[in-house]
C-alpha atoms as a PDB file:
ATOM      1  CA  LEU A   1     150.293 121.924 128.106  1.00  0.00           C
ATOM      2  CA  ASP A   2     151.935 124.201 125.564  1.00  0.00           C
ATOM      3  CA  THR A   3     151.133 121.947 122.592  1.00  0.00           C
ATOM      4  CA  PRO A   4     149.141 123.902 119.968  1.00  0.00           C
ATOM      5  CA  VAL A   5     145.531 122.744 119.689  1.00  0.00           C
ATOM      6  CA  LEU A   6     145.874 122.508 115.903  1.00  0.00           C
ATOM      7  CA  HIS A   7     148.384 119.694 116.505  1.00  0.00           C
ATOM      8  CA  TRP A   8     145.293 117.462 116.904  1.00  0.00           C
ATOM      9  CA  PHE A   9     143.423 118.805 113.856  1.00  0.00           C
ATOM     10  CA  ASP A  10     143.998 119.121 110.139  1.00  0.00           C
ATOM     11  CA  ALA A  11     144.441 122.894 109.851  1.00  0.00           C
ATOM     12  CA  ALA A  12     143.453 122.735 106.168  1.00  0.00           C
ATOM     13  CA  LYS A  13     139.972 121.589 107.254  1.00  0.00           C
ATOM     14  CA  VAL A  14     139.546 124.098 110.097  1.00  0.00           C
ATOM     15  CA  ARG A  15     137.856 127.409 109.400  1.00  0.00           C
ATOM     16  CA  HIS A  16     139.221 130.839 110.334  1.00  0.00           C
ATOM     17  CA  VAL A  17     142.803 129.712 110.899  1.00  0.00           C
ATOM     18  CA  ASP A  18     145.108 132.659 111.564  1.00  0.00           C
ATOM     19  CA  GLU A  19     148.306 133.121 113.546  1.00  0.00           C
ATOM     20  CA  ARG A  20     146.353 133.580 116.772  1.00  0.00           C
ATOM     21  CA  LYS A  21     144.579 130.250 116.331  1.00  0.00           C
ATOM     22  CA  ARG A  22     147.940 128.637 115.606  1.00  0.00           C
ATOM     23  CA  ARG A  23     149.157 129.945 118.982  1.00  0.00           C
ATOM     24  CA  LEU A  24     146.147 128.475 120.837  1.00  0.00           C
ATOM     25  CA  THR A  25     147.443 125.764 123.213  1.00  0.00           C
ATOM     26  CA  LEU A  26     146.072 123.101 125.522  1.00  0.00           C
ATOM     27  CA  ARG A  27     146.900 125.366 128.489  1.00  0.00           C
ATOM     28  CA  HIS A  28     144.606 128.044 127.055  1.00  0.00           C
ATOM     29  CA  VAL A  29     141.782 125.527 126.681  1.00  0.00           C
ATOM     30  CA  LEU A  30     142.189 124.311 130.276  1.00  0.00           C
ATOM     31  CA  THR A  31     142.092 127.866 131.636  1.00  0.00           C
ATOM     32  CA  MET A  32     139.245 129.238 129.478  1.00  0.00           C
ATOM     33  CA  THR A  33     141.565 131.737 127.794  1.00  0.00           C
ATOM     34  CA  THR A  34     141.227 130.458 124.227  1.00  0.00           C
ATOM     35  CA  GLY A  35     140.665 133.829 122.587  1.00  0.00           C
ATOM     36  CA  LEU A  36     137.955 132.252 120.433  1.00  0.00           C
ATOM     37  CA  GLU A  37     134.861 134.287 119.641  1.00  0.00           C
ATOM     38  CA  TRP A  38     132.401 132.878 122.182  1.00  0.00           C
ATOM     39  CA  ASN A  39     129.360 134.320 123.939  1.00  0.00           C
ATOM     40  CA  GLU A  40     127.996 132.472 126.956  1.00  0.00           C
ATOM     41  CA  ASN A  41     127.287 135.529 129.110  1.00  0.00           C
ATOM     42  CA  VAL A  42     123.577 135.307 128.310  1.00  0.00           C
ATOM     43  CA  PRO A  43     120.785 133.019 129.584  1.00  0.00           C
ATOM     44  CA  TYR A  44     121.070 129.413 128.456  1.00  0.00           C
ATOM     45  CA  ASP A  45     117.980 129.647 126.224  1.00  0.00           C
ATOM     46  CA  ASP A  46     119.068 132.917 124.615  1.00  0.00           C
ATOM     47  CA  PRO A  47     119.504 132.385 120.848  1.00  0.00           C
ATOM     48  CA  ARG A  48     122.829 134.248 121.035  1.00  0.00           C
ATOM     49  CA  SER A  49     124.338 131.669 123.416  1.00  0.00           C
ATOM     50  CA  ASP A  50     127.151 129.755 121.759  1.00  0.00           C
ATOM     51  CA  SER A  51     126.586 126.926 124.231  1.00  0.00           C
ATOM     52  CA  SER A  52     123.010 126.438 122.984  1.00  0.00           C
ATOM     53  CA  LEU A  53     124.042 126.897 119.353  1.00  0.00           C
ATOM     54  CA  MET A  54     126.782 124.289 119.786  1.00  0.00           C
ATOM     55  CA  GLU A  55     124.349 121.798 121.329  1.00  0.00           C
ATOM     56  CA  ALA A  56     121.970 122.322 118.400  1.00  0.00           C
ATOM     57  CA  THR A  57     124.560 120.987 115.945  1.00  0.00           C
ATOM     58  CA  ASP A  58     125.494 117.366 115.299  1.00  0.00           C
ATOM     59  CA  ASP A  59     129.240 118.004 115.579  1.00  0.00           C
ATOM     60  CA  TRP A  60     129.947 120.053 118.708  1.00  0.00           C
ATOM     61  CA  VAL A  61     133.727 119.915 118.334  1.00  0.00           C
ATOM     62  CA  ARG A  62     133.563 121.180 114.755  1.00  0.00           C
ATOM     63  CA  TYR A  63     131.418 124.101 115.937  1.00  0.00           C
ATOM     64  CA  VAL A  64     134.063 125.072 118.523  1.00  0.00           C
ATOM     65  CA  ILE A  65     137.269 124.652 116.535  1.00  0.00           C
ATOM     66  CA  ASP A  66     135.775 126.516 113.553  1.00  0.00           C
ATOM     67  CA  LYS A  67     134.947 129.644 115.586  1.00  0.00           C
ATOM     68  CA  PRO A  68     136.958 132.707 114.561  1.00  0.00           C
ATOM     69  CA  MET A  69     139.465 134.224 116.950  1.00  0.00           C
ATOM     70  CA  ALA A  70     138.407 137.360 118.819  1.00  0.00           C
ATOM     71  CA  GLU A  71     141.704 138.071 120.568  1.00  0.00           C
ATOM     72  CA  GLU A  72     145.116 136.682 121.447  1.00  0.00           C
ATOM     73  CA  PRO A  73     144.974 133.403 123.437  1.00  0.00           C
ATOM     74  CA  GLY A  74     145.873 133.662 127.113  1.00  0.00           C
ATOM     75  CA  ARG A  75     144.930 137.300 127.422  1.00  0.00           C
ATOM     76  CA  ARG A  76     141.444 137.140 128.938  1.00  0.00           C
ATOM     77  CA  PHE A  77     139.180 134.659 130.725  1.00  0.00           C
ATOM     78  CA  ASN A  78     135.995 133.912 128.792  1.00  0.00           C
ATOM     79  CA  TYR A  79     133.840 131.061 130.083  1.00  0.00           C
ATOM     80  CA  SER A  80     133.248 128.528 127.320  1.00  0.00           C
ATOM     81  CA  SER A  81     131.436 125.210 127.475  1.00  0.00           C
ATOM     82  CA  GLY A  82     132.905 124.603 124.047  1.00  0.00           C
ATOM     83  CA  ALA A  83     136.439 124.680 125.425  1.00  0.00           C
ATOM     84  CA  THR A  84     135.569 121.864 127.810  1.00  0.00           C
ATOM     85  CA  GLU A  85     134.027 119.810 125.013  1.00  0.00           C
ATOM     86  CA  LEU A  86     137.159 120.379 122.961  1.00  0.00           C
ATOM     87  CA  LEU A  87     139.175 118.694 125.736  1.00  0.00           C
ATOM     88  CA  ALA A  88     137.246 115.429 125.304  1.00  0.00           C
ATOM     89  CA  GLU A  89     138.116 115.312 121.611  1.00  0.00           C
ATOM     90  CA  ILE A  90     141.764 116.200 122.222  1.00  0.00           C
ATOM     91  CA  PHE A  91     141.929 113.418 124.805  1.00  0.00           C
ATOM     92  CA  ARG A  92     140.468 110.932 122.325  1.00  0.00           C
ATOM     93  CA  ARG A  93     142.808 111.923 119.520  1.00  0.00           C
ATOM     94  CA  GLU A  94     145.907 111.928 121.732  1.00  0.00           C
ATOM     95  CA  THR A  95     145.275 108.667 123.584  1.00  0.00           C
ATOM     96  CA  GLY A  96     142.910 106.738 121.314  1.00  0.00           C
ATOM     97  CA  GLN A  97     140.734 106.162 124.380  1.00  0.00           C
ATOM     98  CA  ASP A  98     137.205 107.133 125.359  1.00  0.00           C
ATOM     99  CA  ILE A  99     137.399 109.594 128.253  1.00  0.00           C
ATOM    100  CA  GLU A 100     134.480 107.985 130.096  1.00  0.00           C
ATOM    101  CA  ALA A 101     136.090 104.538 129.982  1.00  0.00           C
ATOM    102  CA  TYR A 102     139.370 106.049 131.162  1.00  0.00           C
ATOM    103  CA  GLY A 103     137.626 108.012 133.908  1.00  0.00           C
ATOM    104  CA  ARG A 104     135.713 104.949 135.075  1.00  0.00           C
ATOM    105  CA  ARG A 105     138.912 102.908 135.389  1.00  0.00           C
ATOM    106  CA  HIS A 106     141.146 105.569 136.914  1.00  0.00           C
ATOM    107  CA  LEU A 107     138.765 107.796 138.887  1.00  0.00           C
ATOM    108  CA  PHE A 108     135.181 106.665 139.372  1.00  0.00           C
ATOM    109  CA  GLU A 109     135.832 103.029 140.309  1.00  0.00           C
ATOM    110  CA  PRO A 110     138.786 103.762 142.657  1.00  0.00           C
ATOM    111  CA  LEU A 111     136.629 106.337 144.495  1.00  0.00           C
ATOM    112  CA  GLY A 112     133.477 104.194 144.429  1.00  0.00           C
ATOM    113  CA  ILE A 113     131.546 106.855 142.498  1.00  0.00           C
ATOM    114  CA  ARG A 114     128.240 106.063 140.783  1.00  0.00           C
ATOM    115  CA  TYR A 115     127.529 108.327 137.825  1.00  0.00           C
ATOM    116  CA  HIS A 116     125.800 108.855 134.507  1.00  0.00           C
ATOM    117  CA  TRP A 117     127.603 110.666 131.684  1.00  0.00           C
ATOM    118  CA  LYS A 118     125.599 111.498 128.576  1.00  0.00           C
ATOM    119  CA  ARG A 119     126.995 111.827 125.056  1.00  0.00           C
ATOM    120  CA  THR A 120     126.639 114.040 122.010  1.00  0.00           C
ATOM    121  CA  TYR A 121     124.848 112.991 118.822  1.00  0.00           C
ATOM    122  CA  LEU A 122     128.131 111.660 117.413  1.00  0.00           C
ATOM    123  CA  GLY A 123     128.873 109.633 120.546  1.00  0.00           C
ATOM    124  CA  LEU A 124     131.465 111.955 122.123  1.00  0.00           C
ATOM    125  CA  VAL A 125     131.230 112.237 125.905  1.00  0.00           C
ATOM    126  CA  ASP A 126     129.410 115.418 126.929  1.00  0.00           C
ATOM    127  CA  THR A 127     132.192 116.910 129.039  1.00  0.00           C
ATOM    128  CA  GLU A 128     130.682 120.403 128.997  1.00  0.00           C
ATOM    129  CA  GLY A 129     127.639 119.607 131.101  1.00  0.00           C
ATOM    130  CA  GLY A 130     126.525 115.987 130.998  1.00  0.00           C
ATOM    131  CA  LEU A 131     127.996 114.363 134.125  1.00  0.00           C
ATOM    132  CA  TYR A 132     125.437 113.424 136.791  1.00  0.00           C
ATOM    133  CA  LEU A 133     126.610 112.717 140.353  1.00  0.00           C
ATOM    134  CA  SER A 134     125.049 112.558 143.803  1.00  0.00           C
ATOM    135  CA  GLY A 135     126.129 115.091 146.422  1.00  0.00           C
ATOM    136  CA  PRO A 136     128.260 112.590 148.392  1.00  0.00           C
ATOM    137  CA  ASP A 137     129.984 111.330 145.226  1.00  0.00           C
ATOM    138  CA  LEU A 138     130.670 114.885 144.083  1.00  0.00           C
ATOM    139  CA  ALA A 139     132.189 115.544 147.510  1.00  0.00           C
ATOM    140  CA  LYS A 140     134.613 112.651 146.963  1.00  0.00           C
ATOM    141  CA  ILE A 141     136.261 114.581 144.142  1.00  0.00           C
ATOM    142  CA  GLY A 142     136.759 117.507 146.519  1.00  0.00           C
ATOM    143  CA  LEU A 143     138.217 115.175 149.134  1.00  0.00           C
ATOM    144  CA  LEU A 144     140.560 113.629 146.561  1.00  0.00           C
ATOM    145  CA  TYR A 145     142.004 117.085 145.811  1.00  0.00           C
ATOM    146  CA  LEU A 146     142.049 118.028 149.492  1.00  0.00           C
ATOM    147  CA  ARG A 147     144.268 114.973 150.051  1.00  0.00           C
ATOM    148  CA  GLY A 148     146.623 115.969 147.252  1.00  0.00           C
ATOM    149  CA  GLY A 149     145.270 113.382 144.811  1.00  0.00           C
ATOM    150  CA  GLU A 150     145.598 110.427 147.193  1.00  0.00           C
ATOM    151  CA  TRP A 151     142.771 107.983 147.933  1.00  0.00           C
ATOM    152  CA  GLU A 152     143.034 105.110 150.405  1.00  0.00           C
ATOM    153  CA  GLY A 153     146.819 105.031 150.159  1.00  0.00           C
ATOM    154  CA  ARG A 154     146.901 105.224 146.366  1.00  0.00           C
ATOM    155  CA  GLN A 155     147.994 108.255 144.334  1.00  0.00           C
ATOM    156  CA  VAL A 156     145.013 108.532 141.974  1.00  0.00           C
ATOM    157  CA  VAL A 157     145.928 111.976 140.613  1.00  0.00           C
ATOM    158  CA  PRO A 158     149.544 113.258 140.627  1.00  0.00           C
ATOM    159  CA  ALA A 159     150.075 115.682 143.509  1.00  0.00           C
ATOM    160  CA  ASP A 160     151.813 118.148 141.199  1.00  0.00           C
ATOM    161  CA  TRP A 161     148.756 118.252 138.932  1.00  0.00           C
ATOM    162  CA  VAL A 162     146.497 118.924 141.919  1.00  0.00           C
ATOM    163  CA  HIS A 163     148.771 121.796 142.964  1.00  0.00           C
ATOM    164  CA  GLN A 164     148.789 123.286 139.456  1.00  0.00           C
ATOM    165  CA  SER A 165     145.035 122.884 139.060  1.00  0.00           C
ATOM    166  CA  VAL A 166     144.125 124.969 142.103  1.00  0.00           C
ATOM    167  CA  ALA A 167     146.794 127.625 141.541  1.00  0.00           C
ATOM    168  CA  PRO A 168     145.289 130.913 140.265  1.00  0.00           C
ATOM    169  CA  PHE A 169     146.075 131.375 136.577  1.00  0.00           C
ATOM    170  CA  ILE A 170     143.909 134.321 135.552  1.00  0.00           C
ATOM    171  CA  ALA A 171     141.330 136.731 136.989  1.00  0.00           C
ATOM    172  CA  ALA A 172     137.805 135.477 136.309  1.00  0.00           C
ATOM    173  CA  GLY A 173     135.576 137.983 138.071  1.00  0.00           C
ATOM    174  CA  ASP A 174     131.927 136.989 137.861  1.00  0.00           C
ATOM    175  CA  ASP A 175     129.126 139.391 138.871  1.00  0.00           C
ATOM    176  CA  GLY A 176     131.674 141.447 140.758  1.00  0.00           C
ATOM    177  CA  GLU A 177     132.814 138.537 142.937  1.00  0.00           C
ATOM    178  CA  PRO A 178     136.555 137.893 143.464  1.00  0.00           C
ATOM    179  CA  PHE A 179     137.102 134.782 141.352  1.00  0.00           C
ATOM    180  CA  GLN A 180     140.245 133.533 139.699  1.00  0.00           C
ATOM    181  CA  TYR A 181     140.564 130.423 137.561  1.00  0.00           C
ATOM    182  CA  GLY A 182     143.019 127.523 137.527  1.00  0.00           C
ATOM    183  CA  PHE A 183     142.850 124.291 135.525  1.00  0.00           C
ATOM    184  CA  LYS A 184     139.074 123.821 135.427  1.00  0.00           C
ATOM    185  CA  TRP A 185     138.685 125.076 139.024  1.00  0.00           C
ATOM    186  CA  TRP A 186     137.081 128.338 140.118  1.00  0.00           C
ATOM    187  CA  LEU A 187     139.101 129.928 142.924  1.00  0.00           C
ATOM    188  CA  TYR A 188     137.229 132.293 145.245  1.00  0.00           C
ATOM    189  CA  LYS A 189     139.089 134.705 147.493  1.00  0.00           C
ATOM    190  CA  ARG A 190     137.306 134.975 150.835  1.00  0.00           C
ATOM    191  CA  PRO A 191     136.592 138.563 151.912  1.00  0.00           C
ATOM    192  CA  ASP A 192     137.097 137.745 155.619  1.00  0.00           C
ATOM    193  CA  ASN A 193     140.680 136.428 155.514  1.00  0.00           C
ATOM    194  CA  GLY A 194     141.843 136.247 151.881  1.00  0.00           C
ATOM    195  CA  ARG A 195     141.978 132.435 151.860  1.00  0.00           C
ATOM    196  CA  ILE A 196     141.078 130.633 148.645  1.00  0.00           C
ATOM    197  CA  VAL A 197     138.048 128.345 148.306  1.00  0.00           C
ATOM    198  CA  TRP A 198     138.267 125.814 145.454  1.00  0.00           C
ATOM    199  CA  MET A 199     135.033 125.470 143.521  1.00  0.00           C
ATOM    200  CA  ALA A 200     133.368 123.590 140.722  1.00  0.00           C
ATOM    201  CA  ARG A 201     130.351 125.629 139.611  1.00  0.00           C
ATOM    202  CA  GLY A 202     127.500 124.185 137.615  1.00  0.00           C
ATOM    203  CA  PHE A 203     124.232 125.107 135.952  1.00  0.00           C
ATOM    204  CA  GLY A 204     121.504 126.496 138.198  1.00  0.00           C
ATOM    205  CA  GLY A 205     123.789 127.047 141.185  1.00  0.00           C
ATOM    206  CA  GLN A 206     125.190 123.525 141.574  1.00  0.00           C
ATOM    207  CA  ARG A 207     128.516 123.695 143.389  1.00  0.00           C
ATOM    208  CA  LEU A 208     131.359 121.788 144.921  1.00  0.00           C
ATOM    209  CA  MET A 209     133.178 123.985 147.454  1.00  0.00           C
ATOM    210  CA  VAL A 210     136.435 123.021 149.176  1.00  0.00           C
ATOM    211  CA  PHE A 211     137.858 125.050 152.080  1.00  0.00           C
ATOM    212  CA  PRO A 212     141.416 123.633 152.244  1.00  0.00           C
ATOM    213  CA  GLU A 213     142.549 125.249 155.522  1.00  0.00           C
ATOM    214  CA  GLU A 214     139.407 124.168 157.374  1.00  0.00           C
ATOM    215  CA  GLY A 215     139.169 120.747 155.730  1.00  0.00           C
ATOM    216  CA  LEU A 216     135.555 121.534 154.818  1.00  0.00           C
ATOM    217  CA  ILE A 217     133.723 120.281 151.720  1.00  0.00           C
ATOM    218  CA  ALA A 218     130.226 121.426 150.781  1.00  0.00           C
ATOM    219  CA  THR A 219     128.075 120.433 147.815  1.00  0.00           C
ATOM    220  CA  PHE A 220     124.949 122.022 146.369  1.00  0.00           C
ATOM    221  CA  THR A 221     123.046 119.915 143.838  1.00  0.00           C
ATOM    222  CA  GLY A 222     119.695 121.714 143.582  1.00  0.00           C
ATOM    223  CA  TRP A 223     118.926 123.636 140.395  1.00  0.00           C
ATOM    224  CA  GLU A 224     117.698 127.213 140.736  1.00  0.00           C
ATOM    225  CA  ILE A 225     116.532 127.521 137.144  1.00  0.00           C
ATOM    226  CA  ILE A 226     113.716 130.042 137.596  1.00  0.00           C
ATOM    227  CA  LYS A 227     115.752 132.762 139.282  1.00  0.00           C
ATOM    228  CA  ASP A 228     119.420 133.460 139.906  1.00  0.00           C
ATOM    229  CA  PRO A 229     121.070 131.272 142.588  1.00  0.00           C
ATOM    230  CA  PRO A 230     122.428 132.927 145.750  1.00  0.00           C
ATOM    231  CA  PRO A 231     125.743 134.733 145.261  1.00  0.00           C
ATOM    232  CA  THR A 232     128.878 132.858 146.253  1.00  0.00           C
ATOM    233  CA  SER A 233     129.653 135.433 148.938  1.00  0.00           C
ATOM    234  CA  GLU A 234     126.388 134.589 150.709  1.00  0.00           C
ATOM    235  CA  LEU A 235     126.974 130.826 150.639  1.00  0.00           C
ATOM    236  CA  VAL A 236     130.597 131.148 151.770  1.00  0.00           C
ATOM    237  CA  GLY A 237     129.579 133.541 154.539  1.00  0.00           C
ATOM    238  CA  ARG A 238     126.928 131.156 155.861  1.00  0.00           C
ATOM    239  CA  LEU A 239     129.374 128.246 155.922  1.00  0.00           C
ATOM    240  CA  VAL A 240     132.094 130.288 157.609  1.00  0.00           C
ATOM    241  CA  ARG A 241     129.685 131.481 160.284  1.00  0.00           C
ATOM    242  CA  ALA A 242     128.571 127.903 160.902  1.00  0.00           C
ATOM    243  CA  LEU A 243     132.189 126.837 161.355  1.00  0.00           C
ATOM    244  CA  ALA A 244     132.742 129.597 163.885  1.00  0.00           C
ATOM    245  CA  ALA A 245     129.722 128.622 165.999  1.00  0.00           C
ATOM    246  CA  PRO A 246     130.768 126.884 169.246  1.00  0.00           C
ATOM    247  CA  ILE A 247     127.900 124.370 168.974  1.00  0.00           C
ATOM    248  CA  CYS A 248     125.379 123.421 166.343  1.00  0.00           C
ATOM    249  CA  PRO A 249     122.129 125.372 167.108  1.00  0.00           C
ATOM    250  CA  GLY A 250     120.157 122.208 166.431  1.00  0.00           C
ATOM    251  CA  THR A 251     121.724 120.474 169.449  1.00  0.00           C
ATOM    252  CA  ALA A 252     121.258 123.307 171.966  1.00  0.00           C
ATOM    253  CA  HIS A 253     119.004 122.589 174.965  1.00  0.00           C
END
């Protein structure tokens, strides 16, 4: 995790290399604390969005690794689709394997997940936003982590990695809501009891939400692309209230 990202690139061919970029590690990429100059705090179709600008190029990875540094790595959370795309290339260069083929063999097939995963113009898997799953199959990933990485008696993901992934690494407040961030997981602190809800959050309000103490998993796969989706606090509150109800209102007579 503490391997410098430039270990996988020829620094002589990377733009804007300084000492800060040399200190950028895999851990920083996993936790969205790269320190790279990146602006994704605007609407998706805003011409200032680095996510849209990246997707408009042929070589997405080159766009990301060539960005200048804005600050020291590890200092501040800054959401970056580019960081997630960078992981796919690092995986390919380290292992010599395609991440979709690896994922199919070690994750999707063991869990019985049907999926579609699109690719960039150069054939790299679109890890920043191109994975399509049904609600039940998305929930399986939550259940896998809820079970400590075990599935049908087999340890699919190391338990230690699961533990590290959902451990808060850095504050990641979003719209004033109490988020922290782990290894690719959003971690929401519940206002009612301080417990942590593990989340994957996607475009248009898509979500996977895992309540570990209650053993509850919820998925939202509709896109609210015209207006802002409901705040997390509202969705969590509705689910918590439903859990507390003695009977389901739909079954009352």
